[in-house]
Protein backbone atom coordinates (compact mmCIF):
# COMPACT_ATOMS: atom_id res chain seq x y z
CA MET A 1 -42.39 -57.99 -30.66
CA SER A 2 -43.73 -54.42 -30.65
CA THR A 3 -44.86 -54.68 -27.01
CA VAL A 4 -41.36 -55.68 -26.01
CA MET A 5 -39.78 -52.84 -27.91
CA GLU A 6 -42.19 -50.27 -26.41
CA ALA A 7 -41.47 -51.59 -22.90
CA THR A 8 -37.71 -51.32 -23.38
CA ALA A 9 -37.51 -48.01 -25.29
CA PRO A 10 -37.17 -45.70 -22.29
CA LEU A 11 -34.24 -47.83 -20.97
CA VAL A 12 -32.38 -47.33 -24.27
CA VAL A 13 -32.76 -43.52 -24.00
CA HIS A 14 -31.33 -43.49 -20.48
CA GLY A 15 -28.51 -45.76 -21.60
CA GLU A 16 -27.64 -43.35 -24.32
CA GLN A 17 -27.53 -40.51 -21.89
CA ARG A 18 -25.28 -42.39 -19.56
CA ARG A 19 -23.11 -43.49 -22.44
CA SER A 20 -22.77 -39.84 -23.77
CA TRP A 21 -21.26 -38.60 -20.50
CA ALA A 22 -19.05 -41.67 -20.34
CA ALA A 23 -17.99 -40.74 -23.86
CA VAL A 24 -17.16 -37.21 -22.70
CA PHE A 25 -14.74 -38.56 -20.04
CA ALA A 26 -13.32 -41.03 -22.51
CA LEU A 27 -12.68 -38.14 -24.95
CA ALA A 28 -11.17 -36.11 -22.04
CA ARG A 29 -8.68 -38.91 -21.40
CA PHE A 30 -7.85 -39.32 -25.05
CA GLU A 31 -7.25 -35.55 -25.52
CA ALA A 32 -5.08 -35.43 -22.40
CA ARG A 33 -2.89 -38.16 -23.71
CA ASP A 34 -2.87 -36.48 -27.09
CA LEU A 35 -1.75 -33.21 -25.57
CA LEU A 36 1.34 -34.94 -24.17
CA GLN A 37 2.31 -35.82 -27.83
CA TYR A 38 2.49 -32.12 -28.73
CA ILE A 39 6.19 -31.06 -28.55
CA PRO A 40 5.51 -27.72 -26.86
CA VAL A 41 3.51 -29.41 -24.03
CA ALA A 42 5.96 -32.29 -23.59
CA ALA A 43 9.03 -30.00 -23.75
CA THR A 44 7.68 -27.36 -21.23
CA LEU A 45 6.32 -30.10 -18.88
CA LEU A 46 9.70 -31.88 -18.88
CA PHE A 47 11.48 -28.57 -18.32
CA TYR A 48 9.15 -27.56 -15.51
CA VAL A 49 9.42 -30.86 -13.59
CA GLY A 50 13.14 -31.27 -14.26
CA TYR A 51 14.13 -27.70 -13.45
CA THR A 52 12.10 -27.75 -10.20
CA GLY A 53 13.58 -31.13 -9.19
CA TRP A 54 17.08 -29.93 -9.88
CA LYS A 55 16.55 -26.85 -7.77
CA LEU A 56 15.31 -28.96 -4.95
CA VAL A 57 18.19 -31.50 -4.91
CA SER A 58 20.96 -29.05 -5.59
CA PRO A 59 23.27 -28.26 -2.61
CA SER A 60 21.38 -26.02 -0.20
CA ASP A 61 24.12 -23.53 0.82
CA GLY A 62 23.94 -19.81 1.32
CA MET A 63 20.61 -18.13 1.66
CA ALA A 64 18.84 -21.12 0.04
CA ALA A 65 19.39 -23.11 3.26
CA TYR A 66 17.36 -20.52 5.24
CA PRO A 67 14.14 -20.10 3.28
CA ALA A 68 11.19 -17.93 4.38
CA LEU A 69 8.02 -19.79 3.52
CA GLN A 70 6.06 -16.52 2.78
CA ASP A 71 8.63 -16.07 -0.12
CA VAL A 72 8.70 -19.74 -1.13
CA ASP A 73 4.96 -19.88 -1.90
CA ARG A 74 5.28 -17.03 -4.39
CA ALA A 75 8.40 -18.58 -5.94
CA THR A 76 6.28 -21.45 -7.14
CA GLN A 77 4.21 -19.26 -9.49
CA THR A 78 6.41 -18.15 -12.34
CA THR A 79 7.94 -21.28 -13.88
CA PRO A 80 4.67 -23.01 -14.79
CA ILE A 81 3.67 -20.08 -17.02
CA LEU A 82 5.51 -21.62 -19.92
CA LEU A 83 3.37 -24.80 -19.55
CA GLY A 84 0.23 -22.61 -19.46
CA ILE A 85 1.24 -20.95 -22.82
CA ALA A 86 1.98 -24.30 -24.35
CA LEU A 87 -1.41 -25.64 -23.26
CA PHE A 88 -3.08 -22.55 -24.63
CA VAL A 89 -1.66 -23.13 -28.11
CA CYS A 90 -1.99 -26.90 -28.14
CA VAL A 91 -5.53 -27.10 -26.77
CA ASN A 92 -6.51 -24.57 -29.39
CA ARG A 93 -4.94 -26.72 -32.02
CA ALA A 94 -6.51 -29.91 -30.74
CA ALA A 95 -9.97 -28.36 -30.71
CA LEU A 96 -9.47 -27.29 -34.39
CA ARG A 97 -8.23 -30.75 -35.45
CA SER A 98 -11.40 -31.83 -37.08
CA ARG A 99 -11.76 -28.54 -38.95
CA ARG A 100 -8.17 -28.80 -40.09
CA ARG A 101 -8.65 -32.27 -41.43
CA GLY A 102 -12.13 -31.68 -42.82
CA THR A 103 -13.89 -34.19 -40.67
CA ASP A 104 -16.38 -31.76 -39.02
CA ARG A 105 -19.32 -33.13 -41.15
CA HIS A 106 -18.71 -36.67 -39.86
CA PHE A 107 -19.43 -35.49 -36.24
CA ASP A 108 -22.98 -34.70 -37.22
CA VAL A 109 -23.89 -38.40 -37.27
CA LEU A 110 -22.51 -39.02 -33.80
CA VAL A 111 -24.61 -39.04 -30.57
CA MET A 112 -22.29 -36.69 -28.79
CA GLU A 113 -23.19 -33.02 -29.43
CA PRO A 114 -20.53 -30.42 -30.20
CA TRP A 115 -20.82 -28.84 -26.73
CA ARG A 116 -20.15 -32.16 -25.10
CA ARG A 117 -17.04 -32.54 -27.20
CA THR A 118 -16.01 -29.08 -25.94
CA VAL A 119 -16.50 -30.29 -22.30
CA GLY A 120 -14.15 -33.11 -23.13
CA HIS A 121 -11.48 -30.75 -24.32
CA ALA A 122 -11.84 -28.60 -21.31
CA LEU A 123 -11.53 -31.58 -18.96
CA SER A 124 -8.29 -32.65 -20.80
CA VAL A 125 -6.50 -29.71 -19.17
CA VAL A 126 -7.42 -30.83 -15.61
CA PRO A 127 -4.64 -33.49 -15.36
CA PHE A 128 -1.94 -30.87 -16.17
CA ALA A 129 -3.37 -28.56 -13.52
CA LEU A 130 -3.25 -31.45 -10.96
CA LEU A 131 0.31 -32.25 -11.96
CA THR A 132 1.17 -28.61 -11.54
CA ALA A 133 -0.43 -28.64 -8.07
CA LEU A 134 1.60 -31.75 -7.15
CA VAL A 135 4.88 -30.16 -8.26
CA VAL A 136 4.01 -26.94 -6.34
CA LEU A 137 3.15 -28.84 -3.17
CA THR A 138 6.37 -30.87 -3.44
CA GLN A 139 8.43 -27.71 -3.92
CA PHE A 140 6.89 -25.98 -0.85
CA THR A 141 7.07 -29.01 1.38
CA TRP A 142 10.67 -29.62 0.48
CA GLN A 143 11.60 -26.05 1.49
CA ALA A 144 9.40 -26.18 4.67
CA LEU A 145 11.27 -29.24 5.85
CA ARG A 146 14.69 -27.49 5.78
CA PRO A 147 16.11 -26.96 9.30
CA GLY A 148 16.59 -23.25 8.61
CA ALA A 149 13.09 -22.60 7.36
CA VAL A 150 10.93 -19.86 8.99
CA GLY A 151 7.66 -18.13 8.37
CA HIS A 152 4.32 -19.32 7.04
CA GLY A 153 3.11 -20.03 3.53
CA SER A 154 -0.31 -19.25 1.96
CA VAL A 155 -2.57 -21.94 0.43
CA ALA A 156 -3.99 -19.22 -1.79
CA GLU A 157 -0.51 -18.35 -3.16
CA LEU A 158 0.19 -22.02 -3.85
CA ALA A 159 -3.09 -22.31 -5.77
CA VAL A 160 -2.12 -19.66 -8.28
CA ALA A 161 -0.03 -21.84 -10.66
CA PRO A 162 -2.58 -24.64 -11.09
CA LEU A 163 -5.39 -22.21 -11.52
CA TYR A 164 -3.68 -20.26 -14.30
CA VAL A 165 -2.69 -23.51 -16.02
CA LEU A 166 -6.46 -24.28 -16.11
CA LEU A 167 -7.18 -20.79 -17.30
CA PHE A 168 -4.72 -20.77 -20.14
CA GLY A 169 -6.02 -24.20 -21.43
CA ALA A 170 -9.67 -22.96 -21.21
CA LEU A 171 -8.73 -19.78 -22.98
CA GLY A 172 -7.20 -21.70 -25.87
CA LEU A 173 -10.42 -23.69 -26.16
CA LEU A 174 -12.55 -20.57 -26.14
CA ILE A 175 -10.54 -18.91 -28.90
CA ALA A 176 -10.91 -22.14 -31.03
CA ARG A 177 -14.68 -21.90 -30.64
CA LEU A 178 -15.01 -18.16 -31.28
CA ILE A 179 -12.31 -17.82 -33.99
CA PRO A 180 -11.84 -21.26 -35.69
CA SER A 181 -8.56 -20.32 -37.29
CA ALA A 182 -5.08 -21.68 -36.67
CA PHE A 183 -3.68 -18.16 -36.84
CA ALA A 184 -5.80 -16.91 -33.96
CA ALA A 185 -3.84 -18.55 -31.12
CA PRO A 186 -0.42 -16.93 -31.91
CA ILE A 187 -2.02 -13.49 -32.33
CA VAL A 188 -3.74 -13.84 -28.98
CA VAL A 189 -0.55 -14.99 -27.32
CA ILE A 190 1.12 -11.78 -28.46
CA GLY A 191 -1.88 -9.79 -27.21
CA LEU A 192 -1.72 -11.53 -23.84
CA PHE A 193 2.07 -10.87 -23.56
CA THR A 194 1.44 -7.20 -24.27
CA PHE A 195 -1.35 -7.02 -21.67
CA LEU A 196 0.67 -8.76 -19.04
CA LEU A 197 3.61 -6.47 -19.72
CA PHE A 198 1.26 -3.42 -19.40
CA ALA A 199 -0.24 -4.77 -16.19
CA ALA A 200 3.21 -5.55 -14.70
CA THR A 201 4.45 -1.98 -15.21
CA GLY A 202 1.86 -0.54 -12.90
CA SER A 203 3.20 1.13 -9.77
CA GLY A 204 1.90 0.35 -6.34
CA GLY A 205 1.77 -2.98 -4.52
CA ALA A 206 -2.00 -3.39 -4.88
CA GLN A 207 -2.85 -1.39 -7.97
CA TRP A 208 -5.88 -2.98 -9.57
CA SER A 209 -4.26 -3.34 -13.05
CA ARG A 210 -1.39 -5.47 -11.77
CA TRP A 211 -3.73 -7.92 -10.08
CA LEU A 212 -5.56 -8.65 -13.40
CA SER A 213 -2.47 -10.52 -14.38
CA PRO A 214 -2.29 -14.25 -13.45
CA VAL A 215 1.02 -13.84 -11.62
CA VAL A 216 1.90 -10.80 -9.58
CA SER A 217 5.55 -10.80 -8.69
CA GLU A 218 6.64 -8.66 -5.86
CA ASN A 219 10.31 -9.02 -4.89
CA SER A 220 12.32 -7.23 -2.32
CA SER A 221 15.89 -7.49 -1.05
CA SER A 222 14.39 -8.30 2.39
CA THR A 223 11.70 -10.58 3.69
CA LEU A 224 8.67 -9.20 5.55
CA PRO A 225 6.68 -11.00 8.35
CA SER A 226 3.85 -12.90 6.69
CA ASP A 227 1.18 -10.76 8.39
CA LEU A 228 2.72 -7.58 6.85
CA LEU A 229 2.74 -8.76 3.19
CA GLY A 230 -0.63 -7.26 2.34
CA ARG A 231 -1.09 -9.42 -0.78
CA PRO A 232 -4.76 -10.18 -1.52
CA ALA A 233 -3.84 -13.80 -2.32
CA ALA A 234 -7.26 -15.32 -1.37
CA TRP A 235 -9.07 -12.78 -3.55
CA HIS A 236 -6.70 -13.40 -6.41
CA ALA A 237 -7.09 -17.13 -6.23
CA LEU A 238 -10.93 -16.55 -6.31
CA TYR A 239 -10.43 -14.25 -9.29
CA LEU A 240 -8.44 -16.89 -11.24
CA ALA A 241 -10.78 -19.76 -10.31
CA GLY A 242 -13.81 -17.75 -11.42
CA LEU A 243 -12.05 -16.66 -14.61
CA ALA A 244 -11.04 -20.24 -15.47
CA LEU A 245 -14.60 -21.55 -14.96
CA LEU A 246 -16.11 -18.62 -16.88
CA THR A 247 -13.77 -19.22 -19.86
CA ALA A 248 -14.45 -22.94 -19.95
CA MET A 249 -18.26 -22.49 -19.77
CA ALA A 250 -18.15 -19.68 -22.32
CA ALA A 251 -16.38 -22.15 -24.74
CA VAL A 252 -19.17 -24.69 -24.04
CA LEU A 253 -21.82 -22.06 -24.68
CA ALA A 254 -20.15 -21.02 -27.94
CA ALA A 255 -20.20 -24.67 -28.95
CA GLY A 256 -24.02 -24.82 -28.60
CA GLY A 257 -24.64 -25.62 -24.98
CA ARG A 258 -27.90 -24.09 -23.87
CA SER A 259 -28.97 -25.99 -20.80
CA TRP A 260 -30.09 -23.99 -17.72
CA PRO A 261 -27.34 -25.48 -15.49
CA LEU A 262 -24.69 -24.19 -17.87
CA LYS A 263 -26.20 -20.77 -17.94
CA ALA A 264 -26.47 -20.80 -14.11
CA GLY A 265 -22.86 -21.91 -13.92
CA LEU A 266 -21.80 -19.20 -16.23
CA ALA A 267 -23.46 -16.59 -14.15
CA GLY A 268 -21.96 -18.03 -10.98
CA ALA A 269 -18.43 -18.08 -12.55
CA LEU A 270 -18.86 -14.46 -13.58
CA ALA A 271 -19.88 -13.45 -10.08
CA LEU A 272 -16.82 -15.28 -8.64
CA ALA A 273 -14.41 -13.54 -11.07
CA LEU A 274 -15.93 -10.13 -10.42
CA THR A 275 -15.89 -10.65 -6.66
CA GLY A 276 -12.27 -11.66 -6.70
CA ALA A 277 -11.33 -8.80 -9.07
CA VAL A 278 -13.04 -6.23 -6.74
CA GLY A 279 -11.64 -7.80 -3.57
CA GLN A 280 -8.00 -7.81 -4.81
CA SER A 281 -8.14 -4.12 -5.83
CA GLY A 282 -8.75 -2.78 -2.37
CA GLY A 283 -5.10 -1.64 -1.78
CA VAL A 284 -3.40 -1.37 1.56
CA SER A 285 -5.84 -1.03 4.49
CA PRO A 286 -5.19 1.63 7.26
CA GLU A 287 -4.76 -1.24 9.80
CA LEU A 288 -2.04 -2.76 7.67
CA ALA A 289 -0.36 0.51 7.05
CA ALA A 290 -0.27 1.16 10.80
CA ALA A 291 1.17 -2.32 11.46
CA ARG A 292 3.88 -1.81 8.90
CA GLU A 293 4.63 1.57 10.51
CA ARG A 294 5.06 0.03 13.93
CA ALA A 295 7.24 -2.79 12.71
CA SER A 296 9.51 -0.29 10.92
CA VAL A 297 9.67 2.50 13.42
CA SER A 298 9.09 0.76 16.74
CA PRO A 299 9.95 -2.99 16.23
CA GLU A 300 10.40 -3.45 19.96
CA LYS A 301 6.60 -3.30 20.32
CA GLU A 302 6.17 -6.29 17.97
CA GLN A 303 9.06 -8.46 19.11
CA SER A 304 10.02 -10.90 21.82
CA CYS A 305 13.46 -11.07 23.28
CA VAL A 306 15.71 -13.87 24.71
CA ARG A 307 18.97 -13.64 26.47
CA GLN A 308 21.97 -15.75 25.24
CA GLY A 309 25.10 -15.31 27.24
CA VAL A 310 25.53 -11.62 28.16
CA SER A 311 23.62 -10.36 25.12
CA GLN A 312 19.96 -9.99 24.27
CA TYR A 313 18.32 -10.99 20.97
CA CYS A 314 15.05 -9.54 19.85
CA ALA A 315 13.11 -10.87 16.85
CA PHE A 316 9.70 -10.96 15.19
CA ASP A 317 7.81 -14.09 16.20
CA GLU A 318 8.55 -16.03 13.06
CA TRP A 319 12.35 -15.62 13.44
CA ASN A 320 12.54 -16.52 17.21
CA ALA A 321 14.17 -19.88 16.37
CA ARG A 322 17.08 -18.10 14.66
CA THR A 323 18.32 -16.13 17.67
CA GLY A 324 20.73 -18.94 18.62
CA THR A 325 22.38 -18.74 15.17
CA TRP A 326 22.87 -15.00 15.55
CA ALA A 327 24.30 -15.59 19.02
CA GLY A 328 26.88 -17.95 17.53
CA VAL A 329 28.13 -15.20 15.20
CA VAL A 330 28.26 -12.64 18.06
CA ASP A 331 30.25 -15.07 20.21
CA ARG A 332 32.66 -15.77 17.38
CA VAL A 333 33.38 -12.05 16.87
CA GLN A 334 33.69 -11.20 20.51
CA ALA A 335 36.16 -14.08 21.00
CA LEU A 336 38.63 -12.11 18.97
CA ALA A 337 38.10 -8.84 20.74
CA GLY A 338 40.13 -7.42 23.56
CA GLY A 339 39.44 -5.20 26.53
CA THR A 340 35.90 -4.78 27.70
CA ALA A 341 34.56 -5.44 24.18
CA ALA A 342 35.13 -9.22 24.65
CA SER A 343 32.42 -9.33 27.28
CA ARG A 344 30.32 -6.31 26.37
CA PRO A 345 26.52 -6.99 26.41
CA LEU A 346 24.93 -6.29 23.09
CA LEU A 347 21.37 -5.82 22.00
CA VAL A 348 20.80 -7.62 18.63
CA ARG A 349 17.59 -6.37 17.21
CA GLN A 350 15.84 -7.50 14.01
CA ARG A 351 14.88 -4.47 11.96
CA ILE A 352 12.89 -4.12 8.69
CA GLU A 353 11.62 -1.35 6.44
CA ALA A 354 8.04 -2.50 5.76
CA ARG A 355 6.32 0.84 5.10
CA TYR A 356 6.57 0.39 1.33
CA GLY A 357 5.56 -3.22 1.19
CA LEU A 358 7.27 -5.87 -0.93
CA ASP A 359 8.11 -3.36 -3.66
CA GLY A 360 10.13 -1.20 -1.28
CA ASP A 361 13.88 -1.49 -1.19
CA ALA A 362 14.75 1.32 1.17
CA ALA A 363 17.90 1.00 3.31
CA ILE A 364 17.69 0.68 7.06
CA GLU A 365 19.25 3.66 8.83
CA PRO A 366 21.93 2.71 11.43
CA SER A 367 20.94 2.80 15.03
CA THR A 368 22.39 5.47 17.37
CA THR A 369 21.62 3.28 20.48
CA PRO A 370 24.92 2.22 22.12
CA GLY A 371 25.46 -1.48 21.87
CA GLN A 372 22.58 -2.20 19.51
CA VAL A 373 23.22 -4.32 16.32
CA THR A 374 20.80 -4.66 13.49
CA VAL A 375 20.05 -8.08 11.91
CA GLY A 376 17.81 -8.55 8.93
CA THR A 377 15.15 -11.07 8.05
CA ARG A 378 17.28 -12.96 5.45
CA TRP A 379 20.20 -15.17 6.54
CA GLY A 380 22.80 -17.38 5.05
CA GLY A 381 25.42 -16.73 2.40
CA ASN A 382 26.67 -13.10 2.38
CA ARG A 383 24.25 -12.06 5.09
CA VAL A 384 26.34 -13.88 7.71
CA PRO A 385 29.63 -11.97 7.24
CA GLU A 386 27.60 -8.72 6.80
CA PHE A 387 26.12 -9.23 10.20
CA ALA A 388 29.52 -10.09 11.61
CA VAL A 389 30.87 -6.74 10.26
CA ALA A 390 27.94 -4.97 11.93
CA VAL A 391 28.75 -6.60 15.29
CA ALA A 392 32.43 -5.76 15.02
CA SER A 393 31.69 -2.13 14.02
CA VAL A 394 29.56 -1.67 17.18
CA LEU A 395 32.24 -3.20 19.39
CA VAL A 396 34.83 -0.87 17.94
CA GLY A 397 32.81 2.32 17.26
CA GLY A 398 30.23 2.14 20.08
CA ASP A 399 27.08 2.15 17.98
CA GLU A 400 26.09 1.47 14.41
CA ASN A 401 26.01 5.09 13.28
CA LYS A 402 29.57 5.68 14.39
CA GLY A 403 30.70 2.32 13.15
CA SER A 404 29.52 3.04 9.67
CA GLU A 405 31.50 6.31 9.60
CA LEU A 406 34.86 4.66 10.45
CA CYS A 407 37.47 5.48 7.94
CA ASP A 408 40.80 5.33 9.91
CA GLY A 409 42.80 2.32 10.94
CA ARG A 410 39.96 1.06 13.04
CA VAL A 411 38.48 -0.40 9.90
CA VAL A 412 41.26 -3.00 9.93
CA THR A 413 40.36 -4.02 13.43
CA VAL A 414 36.66 -4.25 12.49
CA MET A 415 37.35 -6.50 9.50
CA TRP A 416 39.58 -8.75 11.49
CA LEU A 417 37.02 -9.25 14.13
CA ALA A 418 34.32 -9.96 11.60
CA LEU A 419 36.27 -12.44 9.54
CA GLY A 420 39.16 -13.71 11.63
CA ARG A 421 37.38 -16.92 12.78
CA ASP A 422 35.47 -17.70 9.48
CA ALA A 423 36.11 -21.02 7.84
CA ASP A 424 37.13 -19.23 4.63
CA PRO A 425 37.83 -15.61 5.65
CA VAL A 426 39.35 -14.49 2.31
CA ALA A 427 36.20 -15.65 0.44
CA ASP A 428 34.02 -13.83 2.93
CA LEU A 429 36.14 -10.70 2.58
CA ARG A 430 35.47 -10.84 -1.15
CA ASN A 431 31.75 -11.49 -0.54
CA VAL A 432 31.10 -8.49 1.72
CA ARG A 433 32.70 -6.07 -0.69
CA VAL A 434 30.38 -4.66 -3.34
CA ASP A 435 32.88 -5.23 -6.21
CA ASP A 436 33.83 -8.74 -5.03
CA SER A 437 37.45 -7.70 -5.02
CA LEU A 438 40.44 -8.46 -2.83
CA SER A 439 42.45 -5.42 -3.67
CA GLY A 440 41.96 -1.63 -3.93
CA PRO A 441 39.35 0.42 -2.26
CA ALA A 442 35.85 -0.96 -1.86
CA THR A 443 32.54 -0.52 -0.08
CA VAL A 444 31.75 -3.08 2.65
CA LEU A 445 28.11 -4.18 3.03
CA THR A 446 26.33 -4.34 6.47
CA PRO A 447 22.67 -4.71 7.39
CA THR A 448 22.47 -0.90 7.56
CA ASN A 449 24.81 1.70 5.98
CA PRO A 450 27.91 0.36 4.32
CA MET A 451 31.58 1.00 5.39
CA SER A 452 34.47 2.11 3.25
CA MET A 453 37.79 0.38 2.91
CA SER A 454 40.88 2.03 1.39
CA ALA A 455 43.35 0.13 -0.64
CA GLY A 456 45.87 0.11 2.18
CA GLN A 457 43.38 -1.25 4.63
CA THR A 458 42.43 -3.98 2.18
CA ASP A 459 46.10 -5.01 1.97
CA VAL A 460 46.58 -5.12 5.67
CA VAL A 461 43.41 -7.11 6.30
CA ARG A 462 44.21 -9.61 3.52
CA GLU A 463 47.68 -10.23 5.05
CA LEU A 464 46.16 -10.60 8.53
CA LEU A 465 43.72 -13.21 7.28
CA SER A 466 46.66 -15.23 5.79
CA ARG A 467 48.61 -15.35 8.98
CA PRO A 468 48.05 -17.86 11.87
CA ARG A 469 44.87 -16.93 13.72
CA ALA A 470 46.26 -17.35 17.17
CA GLU A 471 49.26 -15.04 16.46
CA VAL A 472 46.99 -12.23 15.19
CA THR A 473 44.45 -12.72 17.94
CA ALA A 474 47.07 -12.36 20.65
CA ALA A 475 48.40 -9.20 18.99
CA VAL A 476 44.95 -7.69 18.76
CA LYS A 477 44.07 -8.39 22.37
CA SER A 478 47.32 -7.14 23.66
CA HIS A 479 47.14 -3.86 21.77
CA TRP A 480 43.40 -3.40 21.87
CA ALA A 481 43.34 0.10 23.25
CA GLN A 482 45.74 1.34 20.60
CA LEU A 483 43.95 -0.44 17.74
CA THR A 484 40.58 1.04 18.72
CA ALA A 485 41.70 4.54 19.54
CA ARG A 486 40.02 7.33 17.51
CA GLY A 487 42.24 8.57 14.78
CA VAL A 488 44.64 5.71 14.73
CA THR A 489 46.03 5.35 11.19
CA THR A 490 46.20 2.26 9.07
CA ALA A 491 49.99 2.56 9.08
CA GLU A 492 50.13 2.49 12.88
CA VAL A 493 47.79 -0.47 12.88
CA ALA A 494 49.99 -2.30 10.42
CA ARG A 495 53.16 -1.63 12.48
CA VAL A 496 51.52 -2.85 15.72
CA LEU A 497 50.29 -6.05 14.12
CA GLY A 498 53.51 -6.63 12.29
CA THR A 499 52.24 -6.38 8.65
CA LYS A 500 53.59 -4.50 5.72
CA VAL A 501 52.91 -0.84 6.10
CA PRO A 502 50.71 0.48 3.30
CA LYS A 503 51.47 3.59 1.37
CA GLY A 504 49.02 6.53 1.28
CA ALA A 505 46.76 8.12 3.86
CA ASP A 506 43.42 6.81 5.13
CA GLU A 507 40.32 8.10 3.38
CA CYS A 508 39.49 10.39 6.20
CA GLY A 509 42.89 12.08 5.94
CA LYS A 510 44.06 11.19 9.50
């Protein structure tokens, strides 16, 4: 009997070792299922998946139908932060369950050591990170498949949300091992919120304090080419990955883990986090600053041009597929013009202000080049009638700078050309006005400097848009020279086109 026991004893030890790791994974599965039963986790997960799904299946009109993928990847980062905070609190609470219920002493008789139980808790967060990655990938792929999509996304930007979900769960576990109190998690959440608020208020697109935050939001009214963004996305993803591993391994170490692989992994995770932190704090390189300068000041050096009809269209490489859409708007505006303007060759050039990065929101100065029209990097929605106004102002004024300074009766001609062939011209008139009004004076938006409309001009334009299109078009073409003459008053334009003559002088007093 003793001989048999001695011969089989080593096998029992190995079996216990195998079973202990199997128990760790079984515990991880149990804790992951248990986390789903916590109301904060279930509610935020349901909100995240439901809200993202609703955004995807909602009607894709306006600018949503023309996404830039270098903006879409960043848009996946903010919503899952609620799930991360919920996991932080609930993983902390799950790790303190035995202490709360007074069952810690019973674990002393089990084969699984405390540090292995901590590994199980850490692994329970992984399914939520994988689910986040799946939602992020679905969100990005859905947008990339839209017919109007342009640009290029970043894998590193897409990895941010799953990584900080892991980080928040591991941080909740670490707090439970260092401060075994139910009051610690809410206090740390408040501290984290304060830190993130402090980090977000830093100025400068690559200031080091901003990039210590899990999510660094940089939003601009325009979209930049993907090679001009200057975001250290890969370094930031490395920083988050290293920080998540470091936090999880520190929790295991605090629970009693002392093996050399754990210590080596802890050192490696620290090296990853420090490498990412240093790499992401480098700021804007001289090469990137020079590239932004060229794209802003001399876009013709970075663009390719195509000819559509009599006009030429120049765009940055990622927007080449959109030139046909711009040409459709130009043709629509010129179809309403008279004289030589109906067949005048135009140069439609895409222009940006990239010198200040994604935090910049500077206006683009109007061009003084005759026949040149500016188009931006965003499209759809209000950007379409705004571009149409720019085209019409160049046809009437000669160039963008002169067109933006129009204040006499020619403003009526410009607005008719821009909106006369729209499917819903009255709605577009409202959309291009800053105050969204249909009466009184207002500022009209364009890709460069805005135009001004007086109350009388607004009344005349609104009446023209309500009349039969063919009738107004014929009147505009037959009286083109008079309607586009310098100094023509709004009253004279109204009499020529057969509308009610407004009271009051034009804004320029002519």
